[in-house]
Amino acid sequence: MFNKMNVSKYLFSMKNKFSYDMFLEKFRIQNFRGIHDLTLTFNKGLNIIIGENNSGKTRIIDALRLCLGYKDVDRTIYINENDFTVGLPETESIEFSLYFKGNPDEQELFYDIFNPETQYLEIHFKYYIKVKNNRKRIYNKVWGGSFEGQQIPDEIFQELYHIYLDPLRDSRRYLHPGRNNILGKFFSKVESAEYDKNELIQDLNEQINEHRIIDFIKSSKEGYIDSHLDGMTHNDFPQFDINLIPEEYDAFVNNFFITLPIESGNLELSQNGLGYNNLIYMSILLGNLRDSNDDESIYTALCVEEPEAHLHPQLQKSFFNYLMEFLDNDYAFQIFMTSHSPILVSHANLESLIILENINNEISAINWYDLNLDEKDEIYFKKFFDMSKVNLLFSKKVIIVEGRTEGILLQLFDKTKFNLLNNENIEIIETDSKDSMEHYIKLFSINENKLNLKKKCVVLIDNDKKNVDSSPSELSKKFKREYCKENICIFESEKDIEFEIIHANIDNIDLLEELLVDNFVVKNISLTQEFISSLRDPTSNKKEEIFKYLNKKKIKKTNFAIKIVEEWENFDNFKIPEVIENLFEFLKED
């Protein structure tokens, strides 16, 4: 009679009759290293987890490794006391829940962990601390399906395979000969019907023992070592032999070392660049991944942290493109990748992005496809979301401006007075129009049917007034009406940033003359001199004169900003516009 465990073993012995489509769709983390309660939704193939520093990327990868490698013999990660969130009551526990999506065949094969209510294949982990004999110890429970206590056969864990690529800073330690040699581990694992490993080593030893080098080693040993050993020991003290290679295959392959051929010989690992060594290391691990699929593991995952480490931009692109090709053409597996690289992210399918945010020590995760974007927005981002724009996803706060002029000036004003951009990890996004700005603003805007990025977003727009008494443009009014709420704040320049700078310094006519009467900055010197003269007239309506002058569009906007940057030290008593002061004051607030 079959008991439950025997049924599981029988089903897994017949697994080649099943079709496989299984992937991890949801992952819940509770009370782990400061993550209170976080549920991530994963894609079937590629998942790129991004966000600012300390937003939880490494914690998520470590949690995946703890779960997927729970029964691995050679696992290197365990729960310890420091993993429990500081400040939680001792009754609280660390909990992980894996929710796999599977087809009917997989539901039958994994019936021990199938929850018919949720239609997921579920594995749950709970870690808790108990004090015994005045010592704290960590205990755990693992169960499957819908209720705590439902046992999981070992066969299920054996079908969950993963490979971890850590955020390498020096891969040489894993490539050198010795017990940790990743190349040796690969050759120990790989199987071949054509070659018998033991016969290969036996044949190699026989050939070496017949080589002249053995005679040389023996004569040298007898002439220079044995006589000293005989003098220091008694007559029946055993002699020793010297073997060139081990007699066991695994010990032999652990001594492999890697070189890079060049014209004058070979470079050793220590002479290679770190980036090249990292690529060798990752290639070997991908070879392990290929071999694991040949063994027909039902579920396979690749966990990669910061693959860009030590790779220059072109190699980053090559690595990422190959990984995508490998994913599409060779094997069905999930990739969980963390990255700080705008290059990698800008080359990825945006649908694969999972964006982490840490707002007031509360970590949240948002999938790109859940953001408040319509089809027009999606088309725009696929075309224009390049490296310079992707950085907003890695920042803590964001400033969106209409053009290059504002971007240049905000960086200057921050450097000379506020010092917020670097200290607060604030990214400036330069666009080319209000239409372009709106695509970016919608990433942060609230919609009851969609999610939004919760980080603080500041928008600096021109109100585009035609004269002193006219109203702002309809698009400017729309921005204030629809988007100025919650985490978004809209700041308006009256007319444009050039108006704000001139108006702020209107009492410093000498400075304005030095700034504006320059062919590099303006297109018409005589017109500009007339404008400066009008400002000197105490009876003139200076605000109206500025509007008239700017409406003639004689300022070269980017050059205007460049001159302010280059001549900043010579511009005495330059006043930063009030709208810019207010913008930075708002950014200071938590």
Protein backbone atom coordinates (compact mmCIF):
# COMPACT_ATOMS: atom_id res chain seq x y z
CA MET A 1 0.00 0.00 0.00
CA PHE A 2 1.28 3.45 -0.92
CA ASN A 3 1.56 6.03 1.83
CA LYS A 4 1.78 9.74 0.99
CA MET A 5 5.58 9.77 0.70
CA ASN A 6 5.59 6.70 -1.53
CA VAL A 7 3.04 8.34 -3.82
CA SER A 8 5.29 11.39 -4.12
CA LYS A 9 8.32 9.25 -4.98
CA TYR A 10 6.27 7.32 -7.55
CA LEU A 11 5.04 10.50 -9.22
CA PHE A 12 8.54 11.96 -9.42
CA SER A 13 9.85 8.72 -10.91
CA MET A 14 7.31 9.29 -13.70
CA LYS A 15 8.02 13.01 -14.10
CA ASN A 16 9.22 12.67 -17.71
CA LYS A 17 5.57 12.10 -18.62
CA PHE A 18 4.61 15.56 -17.37
CA SER A 19 4.83 18.88 -19.21
CA TYR A 20 6.53 21.77 -17.40
CA ASP A 21 5.55 25.41 -17.35
CA MET A 22 6.22 26.27 -13.72
CA PHE A 23 7.48 29.68 -12.58
CA LEU A 24 7.56 31.74 -9.38
CA GLU A 25 4.84 34.37 -9.75
CA LYS A 26 4.65 35.82 -6.22
CA PHE A 27 7.09 36.03 -3.34
CA ARG A 28 6.16 37.38 0.09
CA ILE A 29 8.79 38.49 2.64
CA GLN A 30 7.89 39.36 6.25
CA ASN A 31 10.09 40.75 9.04
CA PHE A 32 13.38 40.06 7.29
CA ARG A 33 16.23 42.58 7.69
CA GLY A 34 13.94 45.58 7.99
CA ILE A 35 11.43 44.45 5.36
CA HIS A 36 8.17 44.47 7.29
CA ASP A 37 5.80 42.99 4.71
CA LEU A 38 6.60 42.96 1.00
CA THR A 39 5.01 40.99 -1.83
CA LEU A 40 6.75 40.90 -5.20
CA THR A 41 5.15 39.83 -8.47
CA PHE A 42 7.55 38.21 -10.94
CA ASN A 43 7.55 37.71 -14.70
CA LYS A 44 7.95 34.26 -16.15
CA GLY A 45 11.36 35.03 -17.68
CA LEU A 46 13.44 38.08 -16.81
CA ASN A 47 13.03 40.14 -13.64
CA ILE A 48 15.32 43.14 -13.08
CA ILE A 49 15.09 44.45 -9.54
CA ILE A 50 16.28 48.05 -9.30
CA GLY A 51 16.15 50.97 -6.89
CA GLU A 52 18.26 53.34 -4.85
CA ASN A 53 20.84 52.09 -2.34
CA ASN A 54 19.34 50.41 0.73
CA SER A 55 16.02 49.80 -0.99
CA GLY A 56 16.16 46.03 -0.39
CA LYS A 57 17.63 44.52 -3.56
CA THR A 58 20.20 42.28 -1.86
CA ARG A 59 17.72 41.31 0.85
CA ILE A 60 15.30 40.03 -1.78
CA ILE A 61 17.96 37.96 -3.56
CA ASP A 62 19.15 36.50 -0.22
CA ALA A 63 15.57 35.60 0.70
CA LEU A 64 15.18 33.78 -2.65
CA ARG A 65 18.44 31.90 -2.04
CA LEU A 66 17.33 30.86 1.45
CA CYS A 67 14.12 29.40 0.04
CA LEU A 68 15.23 27.88 -3.26
CA GLY A 69 18.37 26.40 -1.69
CA TYR A 70 16.72 25.19 1.51
CA LYS A 71 17.79 21.56 0.99
CA ASP A 72 21.06 22.22 -0.84
CA VAL A 73 23.99 20.37 0.68
CA ASP A 74 26.51 23.09 -0.16
CA ARG A 75 24.37 26.16 0.60
CA THR A 76 26.25 29.13 2.04
CA ILE A 77 23.42 31.24 3.47
CA TYR A 78 21.43 30.71 6.66
CA ILE A 79 19.11 32.71 8.89
CA ASN A 80 20.85 34.27 11.88
CA GLU A 81 19.74 36.50 14.74
CA ASN A 82 20.73 39.68 12.89
CA ASP A 83 18.24 38.87 10.12
CA PHE A 84 15.28 39.48 12.42
CA THR A 85 14.01 43.04 12.01
CA VAL A 86 15.33 45.24 14.82
CA GLY A 87 12.64 46.46 17.19
CA LEU A 88 10.13 43.69 16.53
CA PRO A 89 8.64 41.82 19.48
CA GLU A 90 10.30 38.45 20.10
CA THR A 91 7.02 36.78 19.22
CA GLU A 92 7.36 37.97 15.63
CA SER A 93 8.85 35.60 13.08
CA ILE A 94 10.59 35.84 9.73
CA GLU A 95 8.33 34.38 7.07
CA PHE A 96 8.78 33.66 3.37
CA SER A 97 6.07 32.42 1.02
CA LEU A 98 6.67 31.16 -2.51
CA TYR A 99 3.72 31.05 -4.91
CA PHE A 100 4.46 29.07 -8.07
CA LYS A 101 2.16 29.07 -11.07
CA GLY A 102 1.88 25.60 -12.58
CA ASN A 103 -0.09 23.82 -15.27
CA PRO A 104 -2.41 20.87 -14.46
CA ASP A 105 0.44 18.37 -14.89
CA GLU A 106 2.59 20.26 -12.39
CA GLN A 107 -0.32 20.59 -9.97
CA GLU A 108 -0.64 16.81 -10.05
CA LEU A 109 3.10 16.26 -9.66
CA PHE A 110 3.38 18.79 -6.81
CA TYR A 111 0.04 17.97 -5.19
CA ASP A 112 1.70 18.11 -1.73
CA ILE A 113 2.09 21.87 -2.07
CA PHE A 114 -0.93 22.69 -4.25
CA ASN A 115 -3.50 25.04 -2.73
CA PRO A 116 -6.82 24.60 -4.59
CA GLU A 117 -8.19 27.85 -3.15
CA THR A 118 -5.44 30.06 -4.60
CA GLN A 119 -4.51 27.73 -7.52
CA TYR A 120 -0.86 28.22 -6.55
CA LEU A 121 1.85 25.73 -5.67
CA GLU A 122 2.85 27.15 -2.29
CA ILE A 123 5.87 26.70 -0.03
CA HIS A 124 5.99 28.56 3.28
CA PHE A 125 8.92 29.14 5.65
CA LYS A 126 8.79 30.46 9.20
CA TYR A 127 11.83 31.25 11.37
CA TYR A 128 11.50 32.19 15.02
CA ILE A 129 13.68 32.64 18.11
CA LYS A 130 13.27 30.73 21.36
CA VAL A 131 15.28 31.00 24.56
CA LYS A 132 16.43 27.71 26.10
CA ASN A 133 18.89 27.46 28.98
CA ASN A 134 19.47 31.20 28.73
CA ARG A 135 20.53 30.84 25.11
CA LYS A 136 18.69 32.11 22.06
CA ARG A 137 18.22 29.55 19.31
CA ILE A 138 16.60 29.84 15.89
CA TYR A 139 13.96 27.31 14.89
CA ASN A 140 12.03 26.95 11.67
CA LYS A 141 8.96 25.39 10.17
CA VAL A 142 8.40 24.61 6.50
CA TRP A 143 5.10 23.54 4.99
CA GLY A 144 3.31 23.39 1.68
CA GLY A 145 -0.13 24.19 0.38
CA SER A 146 -2.86 25.85 2.37
CA PHE A 147 -2.22 24.97 6.02
CA GLU A 148 0.73 24.97 8.40
CA GLY A 149 1.97 21.47 9.11
CA GLN A 150 1.48 20.05 5.62
CA GLN A 151 4.78 18.24 5.01
CA ILE A 152 6.83 18.68 1.85
CA PRO A 153 8.64 15.62 0.42
CA ASP A 154 12.36 16.05 -0.25
CA GLU A 155 11.70 15.20 -3.90
CA ILE A 156 10.00 18.56 -4.36
CA PHE A 157 13.00 20.55 -3.11
CA GLN A 158 15.26 18.46 -5.34
CA GLU A 159 13.32 19.75 -8.34
CA LEU A 160 13.94 23.40 -7.40
CA TYR A 161 17.37 24.33 -8.72
CA HIS A 162 19.06 27.70 -8.64
CA ILE A 163 22.43 29.26 -9.38
CA TYR A 164 23.66 32.40 -7.67
CA LEU A 165 26.03 34.94 -9.24
CA ASP A 166 27.17 37.21 -6.44
CA PRO A 167 28.13 40.88 -6.86
CA LEU A 168 31.74 40.01 -7.65
CA ARG A 169 34.53 42.36 -6.77
CA ASP A 170 37.31 39.81 -7.36
CA SER A 171 36.40 36.47 -8.96
CA ARG A 172 39.97 35.13 -8.88
CA ARG A 173 39.45 33.38 -5.55
CA TYR A 174 36.79 31.18 -7.22
CA LEU A 175 38.93 30.45 -10.28
CA HIS A 176 42.22 29.58 -8.57
CA PRO A 177 43.13 25.91 -7.97
CA GLY A 178 41.80 24.53 -4.70
CA ARG A 179 38.65 23.39 -2.94
CA ASN A 180 36.61 26.46 -4.02
CA ASN A 181 37.62 26.22 -7.68
CA ILE A 182 34.37 26.80 -9.57
CA LEU A 183 35.87 25.36 -12.76
CA GLY A 184 36.74 22.16 -10.90
CA LYS A 185 33.22 21.94 -9.51
CA PHE A 186 31.84 22.28 -13.02
CA PHE A 187 33.97 19.43 -14.38
CA SER A 188 33.12 17.29 -11.34
CA LYS A 189 29.44 17.76 -12.05
CA VAL A 190 29.29 17.50 -15.83
CA GLU A 191 28.50 14.02 -17.11
CA SER A 192 29.37 12.38 -20.43
CA ALA A 193 28.30 9.06 -21.91
CA GLU A 194 31.45 9.06 -24.06
CA TYR A 195 34.02 9.41 -21.27
CA ASP A 196 34.51 7.48 -18.02
CA LYS A 197 36.13 9.87 -15.54
CA ASN A 198 37.95 7.20 -13.53
CA GLU A 199 39.37 5.61 -16.67
CA LEU A 200 40.57 9.03 -17.87
CA ILE A 201 42.54 9.63 -14.67
CA GLN A 202 43.94 6.09 -14.61
CA ASP A 203 45.10 6.40 -18.22
CA LEU A 204 46.68 9.81 -17.54
CA ASN A 205 48.58 8.50 -14.51
CA GLU A 206 49.91 5.55 -16.50
CA GLN A 207 51.22 7.84 -19.24
CA ILE A 208 52.86 10.23 -16.78
CA ASN A 209 54.54 7.40 -14.85
CA GLU A 210 56.22 6.34 -18.11
CA HIS A 211 57.50 9.84 -18.85
CA ARG A 212 61.13 10.87 -18.32
CA ILE A 213 60.09 13.57 -15.85
CA ILE A 214 59.34 10.83 -13.29
CA ASP A 215 62.97 9.61 -13.47
CA PHE A 216 64.21 13.18 -12.99
CA ILE A 217 61.96 13.74 -9.94
CA LYS A 218 62.98 10.43 -8.34
CA SER A 219 66.71 11.00 -8.81
CA SER A 220 66.45 14.56 -7.46
CA LYS A 221 64.46 13.38 -4.44
CA GLU A 222 66.97 10.59 -3.66
CA GLY A 223 69.97 12.85 -4.12
CA TYR A 224 68.81 15.90 -2.20
CA ILE A 225 66.01 14.92 0.20
CA ASP A 226 66.10 11.24 1.19
CA SER A 227 69.61 11.34 2.69
CA HIS A 228 68.58 14.15 5.05
CA LEU A 229 65.37 12.35 6.00
CA ASP A 230 67.29 9.12 6.70
CA GLY A 231 69.64 10.98 9.01
CA MET A 232 66.76 12.49 11.00
CA THR A 233 64.71 9.26 11.37
CA HIS A 234 65.11 5.59 12.34
CA ASN A 235 65.55 2.75 9.86
CA ASP A 236 61.90 1.69 9.60
CA PHE A 237 60.59 5.23 9.06
CA PRO A 238 58.41 5.17 5.90
CA GLN A 239 59.61 6.92 2.78
CA PHE A 240 57.32 9.22 0.79
CA ASP A 241 56.45 9.41 -2.88
CA ILE A 242 55.81 12.40 -5.14
CA ASN A 243 52.78 12.21 -7.45
CA LEU A 244 52.25 14.72 -10.22
CA ILE A 245 48.47 14.37 -10.32
CA PRO A 246 45.88 12.94 -7.92
CA GLU A 247 44.44 9.52 -8.55
CA GLU A 248 40.86 10.77 -8.10
CA TYR A 249 39.08 12.73 -10.82
CA ASP A 250 37.49 15.35 -8.50
CA ALA A 251 40.83 16.16 -6.85
CA PHE A 252 42.43 16.42 -10.28
CA VAL A 253 39.95 18.95 -11.72
CA ASN A 254 40.12 21.11 -8.57
CA ASN A 255 43.73 21.85 -9.53
CA PHE A 256 42.77 23.34 -12.89
CA PHE A 257 43.94 26.90 -13.44
CA ILE A 258 42.95 29.35 -16.16
CA THR A 259 45.24 31.34 -18.44
CA LEU A 260 44.70 33.82 -21.24
CA PRO A 261 46.83 33.08 -24.33
CA ILE A 262 48.80 35.99 -25.80
CA GLU A 263 51.53 36.15 -28.44
CA SER A 264 54.39 35.95 -25.94
CA GLY A 265 52.87 33.23 -23.74
CA ASN A 266 50.00 33.08 -21.26
CA LEU A 267 48.56 35.55 -18.78
CA GLU A 268 47.61 34.20 -15.37
CA LEU A 269 44.41 35.25 -13.60
CA SER A 270 46.24 37.81 -11.49
CA GLN A 271 47.37 39.49 -14.71
CA ASN A 272 43.88 39.55 -16.27
CA GLY A 273 41.49 42.44 -15.85
CA LEU A 274 38.82 41.96 -13.18
CA GLY A 275 36.03 42.39 -15.73
CA TYR A 276 37.38 39.64 -17.97
CA ASN A 277 37.79 37.29 -14.99
CA ASN A 278 34.19 38.01 -13.98
CA LEU A 279 32.97 37.05 -17.47
CA ILE A 280 34.91 33.78 -17.27
CA TYR A 281 33.35 33.08 -13.87
CA MET A 282 29.82 33.85 -15.12
CA SER A 283 30.35 31.69 -18.22
CA ILE A 284 31.26 28.71 -16.03
CA LEU A 285 28.17 29.21 -13.88
CA LEU A 286 25.98 29.43 -16.99
CA GLY A 287 27.58 26.15 -18.04
CA ASN A 288 26.38 24.74 -14.72
CA LEU A 289 22.92 26.09 -15.50
CA ARG A 290 22.91 24.37 -18.88
CA ASP A 291 23.96 21.10 -17.23
CA SER A 292 21.22 21.40 -14.61
CA ASN A 293 18.59 21.64 -17.35
CA ASP A 294 20.06 18.56 -18.98
CA ASP A 295 19.32 16.85 -15.65
CA GLU A 296 15.70 17.97 -16.15
CA SER A 297 15.14 19.94 -12.96
CA ILE A 298 11.54 21.03 -13.18
CA TYR A 299 12.22 24.58 -11.96
CA THR A 300 15.45 26.50 -12.48
CA ALA A 301 16.32 30.03 -11.37
CA LEU A 302 19.33 32.25 -11.98
CA CYS A 303 19.90 34.85 -9.23
CA VAL A 304 22.32 37.57 -10.34
CA GLU A 305 23.52 40.52 -8.27
CA GLU A 306 25.03 43.49 -10.09
CA PRO A 307 26.35 41.71 -13.21
CA GLU A 308 27.86 45.01 -14.34
CA ALA A 309 30.66 44.80 -11.72
CA HIS A 310 33.99 45.65 -13.40
CA LEU A 311 32.48 45.55 -16.93
CA HIS A 312 32.90 48.56 -19.18
CA PRO A 313 29.74 49.77 -21.00
CA GLN A 314 30.22 47.74 -24.17
CA LEU A 315 30.82 44.52 -22.23
CA GLN A 316 27.73 45.24 -20.12
CA LYS A 317 25.68 45.41 -23.31
CA SER A 318 27.26 42.23 -24.69
CA PHE A 319 26.68 40.31 -21.47
CA PHE A 320 23.06 41.42 -21.19
CA ASN A 321 22.28 40.71 -24.85
CA TYR A 322 23.78 37.22 -24.57
CA LEU A 323 21.85 36.51 -21.38
CA MET A 324 18.62 37.45 -23.14
CA GLU A 325 19.52 35.25 -26.10
CA PHE A 326 20.36 32.40 -23.73
CA LEU A 327 17.02 32.86 -21.98
CA ASP A 328 15.00 32.96 -25.20
CA ASN A 329 16.68 30.23 -27.20
CA ASP A 330 18.16 27.66 -24.88
CA TYR A 331 16.38 26.98 -21.64
CA ALA A 332 13.23 27.87 -19.77
CA PHE A 333 14.24 29.41 -16.46
CA GLN A 334 13.62 32.54 -14.43
CA ILE A 335 16.19 35.27 -13.96
CA PHE A 336 16.18 37.47 -10.86
CA MET A 337 18.73 40.24 -11.42
CA THR A 338 19.61 43.28 -9.35
CA SER A 339 21.43 46.16 -10.98
CA HIS A 340 22.66 49.71 -10.48
CA SER A 341 23.55 50.03 -14.16
CA PRO A 342 21.57 52.50 -16.30
CA ILE A 343 23.14 50.80 -19.32
CA LEU A 344 21.62 47.41 -18.53
CA VAL A 345 18.25 48.84 -17.55
CA SER A 346 18.02 51.06 -20.64
CA HIS A 347 18.56 47.96 -22.83
CA ALA A 348 16.00 45.85 -21.00
CA ASN A 349 12.37 45.29 -21.81
CA LEU A 350 10.63 47.77 -19.50
CA GLU A 351 8.05 45.11 -18.63
CA SER A 352 10.81 43.21 -16.80
CA LEU A 353 11.51 46.04 -14.31
CA ILE A 354 10.60 45.77 -10.63
CA ILE A 355 11.25 49.12 -8.92
CA LEU A 356 12.00 49.24 -5.20
CA GLU A 357 11.50 52.34 -3.09
CA ASN A 358 12.43 52.98 0.53
CA ILE A 359 10.17 55.75 1.84
CA ASN A 360 10.59 56.44 5.56
CA ASN A 361 12.09 52.95 6.03
CA GLU A 362 9.09 51.28 4.41
CA ILE A 363 10.12 49.25 1.36
CA SER A 364 7.68 48.84 -1.52
CA ALA A 365 7.92 47.15 -4.92
CA ILE A 366 6.24 48.31 -8.13
CA ASN A 367 6.23 46.50 -11.46
CA TRP A 368 6.65 48.76 -14.48
CA TYR A 369 3.47 47.42 -16.10
CA ASP A 370 1.44 48.48 -13.03
CA LEU A 371 2.40 52.14 -13.32
CA ASN A 372 -0.06 54.86 -14.37
CA LEU A 373 0.83 54.77 -18.07
CA ASP A 374 -1.30 54.53 -21.17
CA GLU A 375 -0.33 53.22 -24.61
CA LYS A 376 1.02 56.60 -25.71
CA ASP A 377 3.25 56.77 -22.63
CA GLU A 378 4.56 53.26 -23.22
CA ILE A 379 5.49 54.05 -26.83
CA TYR A 380 7.31 57.19 -25.68
CA PHE A 381 9.36 55.36 -23.02
CA LYS A 382 10.31 52.55 -25.39
CA LYS A 383 11.77 55.19 -27.72
CA PHE A 384 13.30 57.72 -25.33
CA PHE A 385 13.93 56.11 -21.93
CA ASP A 386 17.70 56.18 -22.35
CA MET A 387 20.57 56.04 -19.84
CA SER A 388 20.20 59.67 -18.76
CA LYS A 389 16.50 59.18 -17.96
CA VAL A 390 16.68 55.70 -16.41
CA ASN A 391 18.62 57.20 -13.50
CA LEU A 392 15.36 58.49 -12.02
CA LEU A 393 14.57 54.88 -11.02
CA PHE A 394 17.75 54.73 -8.90
CA SER A 395 17.20 58.07 -7.17
CA LYS A 396 15.54 59.04 -3.90
CA LYS A 397 13.93 62.20 -5.28
CA VAL A 398 13.43 63.59 -8.80
CA ILE A 399 13.37 67.04 -10.42
CA ILE A 400 11.75 67.25 -13.86
CA VAL A 401 12.56 70.30 -15.98
CA GLU A 402 11.61 71.43 -19.47
CA GLY A 403 15.06 71.71 -20.97
CA ARG A 404 18.83 71.81 -20.79
CA THR A 405 18.96 75.40 -19.55
CA GLU A 406 17.09 74.60 -16.35
CA GLY A 407 19.17 71.46 -15.82
CA ILE A 408 22.46 73.37 -16.06
CA LEU A 409 21.32 76.16 -13.77
CA LEU A 410 19.81 73.93 -11.09
CA GLN A 411 23.09 72.02 -10.81
CA LEU A 412 25.00 75.29 -10.44
CA PHE A 413 22.62 76.78 -7.86
CA ASP A 414 22.67 73.55 -5.87
CA LYS A 415 26.45 73.38 -5.86
CA THR A 416 26.88 76.99 -4.75
CA LYS A 417 24.17 77.13 -2.07
CA PHE A 418 22.06 74.05 -1.34
CA ASN A 419 24.21 70.87 -1.71
CA LEU A 420 21.16 68.63 -2.03
CA LEU A 421 21.53 66.79 -5.33
CA ASN A 422 24.28 64.43 -4.19
CA ASN A 423 23.48 64.35 -0.49
CA GLU A 424 19.82 63.50 -1.07
CA ASN A 425 20.39 61.34 -4.20
CA ILE A 426 18.26 63.66 -6.36
CA GLU A 427 18.15 63.15 -10.12
CA ILE A 428 17.40 65.93 -12.64
CA ILE A 429 15.47 64.80 -15.71
CA GLU A 430 15.73 67.18 -18.66
CA THR A 431 12.97 67.01 -21.26
CA ASP A 432 12.33 68.99 -24.42
CA SER A 433 8.72 70.10 -23.93
CA LYS A 434 5.74 69.97 -21.60
CA ASP A 435 4.36 67.07 -23.63
CA SER A 436 7.52 65.09 -22.85
CA MET A 437 7.39 66.17 -19.20
CA GLU A 438 3.91 64.77 -18.82
CA HIS A 439 5.07 61.23 -19.62
CA TYR A 440 7.55 61.37 -16.74
CA ILE A 441 5.17 63.06 -14.32
CA LYS A 442 2.64 60.25 -14.81
CA LEU A 443 5.15 57.80 -13.34
CA PHE A 444 4.57 59.56 -10.01
CA SER A 445 0.91 60.56 -10.34
CA ILE A 446 -1.87 58.80 -8.47
CA ASN A 447 -4.58 56.89 -10.29
CA GLU A 448 -7.10 54.74 -8.42
CA ASN A 449 -6.67 51.90 -10.94
CA LYS A 450 -2.87 52.09 -11.21
CA LEU A 451 0.23 52.31 -9.01
CA ASN A 452 2.75 55.14 -8.90
CA LEU A 453 6.30 55.80 -7.79
CA LYS A 454 6.06 57.24 -4.27
CA LYS A 455 9.33 59.16 -4.17
CA LYS A 456 9.15 62.93 -4.09
CA CYS A 457 8.87 64.50 -7.56
CA VAL A 458 9.43 68.21 -8.17
CA VAL A 459 8.44 69.73 -11.52
CA LEU A 460 9.74 73.09 -12.76
CA ILE A 461 7.67 74.46 -15.65
CA ASP A 462 7.35 77.71 -17.55
CA ASN A 463 3.86 79.19 -17.29
CA ASP A 464 4.33 80.58 -20.84
CA LYS A 465 2.52 83.88 -20.19
CA LYS A 466 2.60 86.20 -23.18
CA ASN A 467 2.58 89.42 -21.13
CA VAL A 468 2.21 90.67 -17.57
CA ASP A 469 -1.58 90.47 -17.44
CA SER A 470 -2.21 87.33 -19.48
CA SER A 471 -2.99 83.88 -18.07
CA PRO A 472 -0.61 80.91 -18.01
CA SER A 473 -0.90 78.46 -20.90
CA GLU A 474 -3.63 75.82 -20.72
CA LEU A 475 -1.06 73.04 -20.40
CA SER A 476 0.61 74.83 -17.48
CA LYS A 477 -2.75 75.17 -15.75
CA LYS A 478 -3.45 71.51 -16.39
CA PHE A 479 -0.19 70.53 -14.69
CA LYS A 480 -1.07 72.55 -11.58
CA ARG A 481 -4.64 71.26 -11.55
CA GLU A 482 -4.06 67.55 -12.17
CA TYR A 483 -0.60 66.74 -10.91
CA CYS A 484 0.17 69.01 -7.96
CA LYS A 485 -0.80 66.58 -5.20
CA GLU A 486 0.62 64.01 -2.76
CA ASN A 487 4.30 63.43 -3.65
CA ILE A 488 4.33 65.78 -6.70
CA CYS A 489 4.85 69.52 -6.42
CA ILE A 490 4.69 71.87 -9.42
CA PHE A 491 6.81 75.05 -9.40
CA GLU A 492 6.17 77.70 -12.08
CA SER A 493 8.58 80.14 -13.62
CA GLU A 494 6.73 83.26 -14.67
CA LYS A 495 7.05 83.05 -18.42
CA ASP A 496 10.38 81.12 -18.30
CA ILE A 497 13.61 80.70 -16.31
CA GLU A 498 15.29 83.60 -18.18
CA PHE A 499 12.52 85.93 -16.99
CA GLU A 500 13.00 84.73 -13.38
CA ILE A 501 16.76 85.38 -13.45
CA ILE A 502 16.45 88.83 -15.02
CA HIS A 503 13.59 89.83 -12.72
CA ALA A 504 15.39 88.57 -9.59
CA ASN A 505 18.40 90.75 -10.48
CA ILE A 506 16.50 93.74 -11.84
CA ASP A 507 18.11 96.08 -9.31
CA ASN A 508 21.57 94.95 -10.36
CA ILE A 509 21.65 96.49 -13.83
CA ASP A 510 25.43 96.25 -14.13
CA LEU A 511 25.26 92.49 -13.60
CA LEU A 512 22.49 92.13 -16.19
CA GLU A 513 24.47 94.16 -18.69
CA GLU A 514 27.55 92.00 -18.12
CA LEU A 515 25.44 88.88 -18.52
CA LEU A 516 23.35 89.84 -21.55
CA VAL A 517 25.42 92.16 -23.73
CA ASP A 518 27.37 89.32 -25.27
CA ASN A 519 27.12 87.77 -28.75
CA PHE A 520 27.54 84.35 -27.13
CA VAL A 521 24.29 84.88 -25.18
CA VAL A 522 22.06 87.05 -27.40
CA LYS A 523 21.31 87.26 -31.09
CA ASN A 524 20.93 91.05 -31.30
CA ILE A 525 23.32 93.21 -29.29
CA SER A 526 21.68 96.55 -30.16
CA LEU A 527 18.24 95.32 -29.14
CA THR A 528 19.69 94.03 -25.88
CA GLN A 529 21.40 97.35 -25.16
CA GLU A 530 18.09 99.13 -25.72
CA PHE A 531 16.49 96.70 -23.24
CA ILE A 532 19.19 97.39 -20.61
CA SER A 533 18.66 101.14 -21.11
CA SER A 534 14.93 100.73 -20.54
CA LEU A 535 15.65 99.03 -17.21
CA ARG A 536 17.75 102.04 -16.13
CA ASP A 537 14.73 104.32 -16.66
CA PRO A 538 13.08 104.69 -13.22
CA THR A 539 9.69 105.39 -14.80
CA SER A 540 9.54 102.19 -16.87
CA ASN A 541 7.42 99.15 -16.01
CA LYS A 542 10.39 96.83 -15.68
CA LYS A 543 8.37 93.62 -15.54
CA GLU A 544 6.60 94.55 -18.76
CA GLU A 545 9.90 95.48 -20.41
CA ILE A 546 11.28 92.03 -19.62
CA PHE A 547 8.25 90.37 -21.20
CA LYS A 548 8.60 92.48 -24.34
CA TYR A 549 12.28 91.67 -24.66
CA LEU A 550 11.91 87.94 -24.12
CA ASN A 551 8.96 87.75 -26.54
CA LYS A 552 11.37 88.77 -29.27
CA LYS A 553 13.32 85.53 -28.46
CA LYS A 554 16.78 87.01 -28.77
CA ILE A 555 18.40 84.98 -25.97
CA LYS A 556 20.33 81.81 -26.80
CA LYS A 557 18.91 79.79 -23.92
CA THR A 558 21.61 77.15 -23.37
CA ASN A 559 24.44 79.67 -23.90
CA PHE A 560 22.75 81.91 -21.35
CA ALA A 561 23.07 79.12 -18.75
CA ILE A 562 26.62 78.23 -19.79
CA LYS A 563 27.81 81.82 -19.35
CA ILE A 564 26.32 82.01 -15.85
CA VAL A 565 28.22 78.82 -14.94
CA GLU A 566 31.51 79.97 -16.48
CA GLU A 567 31.37 83.54 -15.12
CA TRP A 568 29.73 82.76 -11.79
CA GLU A 569 32.68 84.01 -9.72
CA ASN A 570 32.54 87.37 -11.52
CA PHE A 571 28.80 87.95 -11.06
CA ASP A 572 28.70 89.90 -7.81
CA ASN A 573 25.48 89.79 -5.79
CA PHE A 574 23.75 87.43 -8.20
CA LYS A 575 20.34 86.55 -6.77
CA ILE A 576 18.93 83.07 -7.26
CA PRO A 577 15.25 83.36 -8.31
CA GLU A 578 12.67 82.85 -5.59
CA VAL A 579 11.01 79.96 -7.43
CA ILE A 580 14.34 78.07 -7.34
CA GLU A 581 14.80 78.87 -3.64
CA ASN A 582 11.33 77.50 -2.94
CA LEU A 583 11.97 74.40 -5.04
CA PHE A 584 15.10 73.45 -3.07
CA GLU A 585 13.45 74.24 0.26
CA PHE A 586 10.68 71.80 -0.63
CA LEU A 587 13.24 69.13 -1.51
CA LYS A 588 14.83 69.51 1.93
CA GLU A 589 11.65 68.33 3.61
CA ASP A 590 11.29 64.63 4.35
